[in-house]
N, C-alpha and C. Protein backbone atom coordinates (compact mmCIF):
# COMPACT_ATOMS: atom_id res chain seq x y z
N UNK A 1 75.04 175.46 122.97
CA UNK A 1 74.17 174.40 123.42
C UNK A 1 72.73 174.86 123.26
N UNK A 2 71.87 173.95 122.82
CA UNK A 2 70.47 174.27 122.62
C UNK A 2 69.77 174.38 123.97
N UNK A 3 68.95 175.39 124.11
CA UNK A 3 68.14 175.55 125.31
C UNK A 3 66.76 174.98 125.03
N UNK A 4 66.31 174.13 125.91
CA UNK A 4 64.99 173.53 125.77
C UNK A 4 64.00 174.31 126.62
N UNK A 5 62.90 174.65 126.02
CA UNK A 5 61.86 175.38 126.73
C UNK A 5 60.66 174.45 126.86
N UNK A 6 60.82 173.43 127.67
CA UNK A 6 59.76 172.46 127.89
C UNK A 6 59.77 172.04 129.35
N UNK A 7 58.63 171.64 129.82
CA UNK A 7 58.55 171.19 131.21
C UNK A 7 59.14 169.80 131.34
N UNK A 8 59.78 169.58 132.44
CA UNK A 8 60.29 168.26 132.77
C UNK A 8 59.14 167.48 133.39
N UNK A 9 58.67 166.48 132.68
CA UNK A 9 57.55 165.70 133.17
C UNK A 9 58.08 164.51 133.95
N UNK A 10 57.88 164.55 135.24
CA UNK A 10 58.34 163.46 136.09
C UNK A 10 57.46 163.37 137.31
N UNK A 11 57.52 162.27 137.95
CA UNK A 11 56.79 162.09 139.20
C UNK A 11 57.80 161.95 140.32
N UNK A 12 57.59 162.68 141.37
CA UNK A 12 58.45 162.57 142.54
C UNK A 12 57.57 162.20 143.73
N UNK A 13 58.19 161.60 144.71
CA UNK A 13 57.43 161.18 145.88
C UNK A 13 56.94 162.40 146.66
N UNK A 14 55.94 162.17 147.45
CA UNK A 14 55.37 163.27 148.25
C UNK A 14 56.41 163.85 149.20
N UNK A 15 57.26 162.99 149.76
CA UNK A 15 58.30 163.47 150.68
C UNK A 15 59.31 164.37 149.99
N UNK A 16 59.73 163.98 148.80
CA UNK A 16 60.69 164.80 148.05
C UNK A 16 60.03 166.11 147.64
N UNK A 17 58.78 166.03 147.22
CA UNK A 17 58.05 167.24 146.84
C UNK A 17 57.97 168.21 148.02
N UNK A 18 57.66 167.69 149.19
CA UNK A 18 57.55 168.55 150.37
C UNK A 18 58.90 169.19 150.71
N UNK A 19 59.97 168.39 150.65
CA UNK A 19 61.30 168.93 150.96
C UNK A 19 61.73 169.97 149.93
N UNK A 20 61.41 169.73 148.66
CA UNK A 20 61.74 170.70 147.62
C UNK A 20 61.00 172.02 147.86
N UNK A 21 59.73 171.94 148.18
CA UNK A 21 58.95 173.14 148.46
C UNK A 21 59.46 173.88 149.70
N UNK A 22 59.83 173.12 150.72
CA UNK A 22 60.37 173.74 151.93
C UNK A 22 61.70 174.42 151.64
N UNK A 23 62.56 173.77 150.86
CA UNK A 23 63.85 174.37 150.52
C UNK A 23 63.65 175.66 149.72
N UNK A 24 62.72 175.63 148.77
CA UNK A 24 62.43 176.83 147.99
C UNK A 24 61.93 177.96 148.89
N UNK A 25 61.11 177.61 149.86
CA UNK A 25 60.60 178.60 150.80
C UNK A 25 61.72 179.20 151.65
N UNK A 26 62.60 178.34 152.17
CA UNK A 26 63.72 178.80 152.98
C UNK A 26 64.66 179.69 152.17
N UNK A 27 64.89 179.31 150.91
CA UNK A 27 65.77 180.09 150.04
C UNK A 27 65.08 181.32 149.45
N UNK A 28 63.77 181.38 149.62
CA UNK A 28 62.97 182.45 149.02
C UNK A 28 63.15 182.48 147.50
N UNK A 29 63.06 181.30 146.92
CA UNK A 29 63.20 181.13 145.48
C UNK A 29 61.97 180.41 144.95
N UNK A 30 61.76 180.54 143.66
CA UNK A 30 60.73 179.74 143.00
C UNK A 30 61.21 178.29 142.98
N UNK A 31 60.26 177.38 142.94
CA UNK A 31 60.60 175.96 142.94
C UNK A 31 61.45 175.60 141.73
N UNK A 32 61.11 176.14 140.56
CA UNK A 32 61.87 175.80 139.36
C UNK A 32 63.33 176.23 139.48
N UNK A 33 63.59 177.36 140.13
CA UNK A 33 64.97 177.82 140.33
C UNK A 33 65.69 176.89 141.31
N UNK A 34 65.00 176.51 142.38
CA UNK A 34 65.59 175.60 143.37
C UNK A 34 65.91 174.26 142.73
N UNK A 35 64.97 173.72 141.97
CA UNK A 35 65.19 172.44 141.31
C UNK A 35 66.32 172.54 140.30
N UNK A 36 66.37 173.63 139.54
CA UNK A 36 67.45 173.84 138.58
C UNK A 36 68.81 173.86 139.27
N UNK A 37 68.90 174.56 140.40
CA UNK A 37 70.16 174.61 141.15
C UNK A 37 70.57 173.23 141.65
N UNK A 38 69.61 172.48 142.18
CA UNK A 38 69.91 171.14 142.69
C UNK A 38 70.37 170.20 141.58
N UNK A 39 69.67 170.22 140.45
CA UNK A 39 70.06 169.36 139.34
C UNK A 39 71.40 169.77 138.75
N UNK A 40 71.66 171.06 138.70
CA UNK A 40 72.93 171.55 138.17
C UNK A 40 74.10 171.03 139.01
N UNK A 41 73.91 170.98 140.33
CA UNK A 41 74.96 170.45 141.20
C UNK A 41 75.08 168.94 141.13
N UNK A 42 73.97 168.26 140.90
CA UNK A 42 73.96 166.79 140.92
C UNK A 42 74.44 166.16 139.61
N UNK A 43 74.19 166.83 138.50
CA UNK A 43 74.52 166.26 137.20
C UNK A 43 75.96 166.56 136.80
N UNK A 44 76.56 165.67 136.01
CA UNK A 44 77.91 165.95 135.51
C UNK A 44 77.90 167.18 134.60
N UNK A 45 79.06 167.80 134.47
CA UNK A 45 79.17 168.98 133.60
C UNK A 45 78.98 168.59 132.14
N UNK A 46 78.75 169.58 131.31
CA UNK A 46 78.63 169.34 129.87
C UNK A 46 79.88 168.69 129.33
N UNK A 47 81.04 169.14 129.79
CA UNK A 47 82.31 168.58 129.32
C UNK A 47 82.43 167.11 129.70
N UNK A 48 82.04 166.78 130.95
CA UNK A 48 82.10 165.39 131.41
C UNK A 48 81.15 164.51 130.61
N UNK A 49 79.94 165.00 130.35
CA UNK A 49 78.98 164.23 129.57
C UNK A 49 79.47 164.04 128.14
N UNK A 50 80.05 165.07 127.56
CA UNK A 50 80.60 164.97 126.21
C UNK A 50 81.69 163.91 126.15
N UNK A 51 82.55 163.91 127.16
CA UNK A 51 83.62 162.93 127.24
C UNK A 51 83.07 161.52 127.38
N UNK A 52 82.08 161.35 128.25
CA UNK A 52 81.47 160.04 128.45
C UNK A 52 80.79 159.53 127.18
N UNK A 53 80.10 160.43 126.49
CA UNK A 53 79.43 160.04 125.25
C UNK A 53 80.44 159.65 124.18
N UNK A 54 81.56 160.36 124.13
CA UNK A 54 82.61 160.02 123.16
C UNK A 54 83.17 158.64 123.45
N UNK A 55 83.41 158.35 124.74
CA UNK A 55 83.92 157.02 125.10
C UNK A 55 82.90 155.95 124.78
N UNK A 56 81.63 156.24 125.02
CA UNK A 56 80.57 155.29 124.71
C UNK A 56 80.54 155.01 123.21
N UNK A 57 80.69 156.06 122.41
CA UNK A 57 80.73 155.89 120.95
C UNK A 57 81.93 155.07 120.52
N UNK A 58 83.08 155.27 121.17
CA UNK A 58 84.27 154.49 120.86
C UNK A 58 84.05 153.02 121.18
N UNK A 59 83.43 152.74 122.32
CA UNK A 59 83.15 151.36 122.72
C UNK A 59 82.20 150.69 121.74
N UNK A 60 81.19 151.43 121.28
CA UNK A 60 80.24 150.87 120.32
C UNK A 60 80.93 150.56 119.00
N UNK A 61 81.84 151.42 118.58
CA UNK A 61 82.59 151.18 117.36
C UNK A 61 83.49 149.97 117.46
N UNK A 62 84.11 149.78 118.60
CA UNK A 62 84.97 148.63 118.80
C UNK A 62 84.16 147.35 118.80
N UNK A 63 82.98 147.37 119.41
CA UNK A 63 82.13 146.18 119.46
C UNK A 63 81.66 145.82 118.06
N UNK A 64 81.36 146.79 117.23
CA UNK A 64 80.91 146.53 115.87
C UNK A 64 82.03 145.96 115.02
N UNK A 65 83.27 146.37 115.32
CA UNK A 65 84.44 145.87 114.58
C UNK A 65 84.89 144.51 115.08
N UNK A 66 84.33 144.05 116.18
CA UNK A 66 84.73 142.78 116.75
C UNK A 66 86.01 142.85 117.56
N UNK A 67 86.44 144.05 117.91
CA UNK A 67 87.69 144.20 118.66
C UNK A 67 87.47 144.24 120.16
N UNK A 68 86.29 144.08 120.60
CA UNK A 68 86.00 144.19 122.02
C UNK A 68 86.26 142.94 122.78
């Protein structure tokens, strides 16, 4: 899998930002490590995403063939 070395550009609410910083402080971790851990737990696995994408591709193929 390709590793991306780029910042995630997003805006989060002030409340979420404060809670993220507090969690990082409690865990004694850098914010990027804390955020990485949280996203890793929240997002589907690579295998699950691969499976979902394959099903999505199958559905698109069926729609193009008129079999949907």
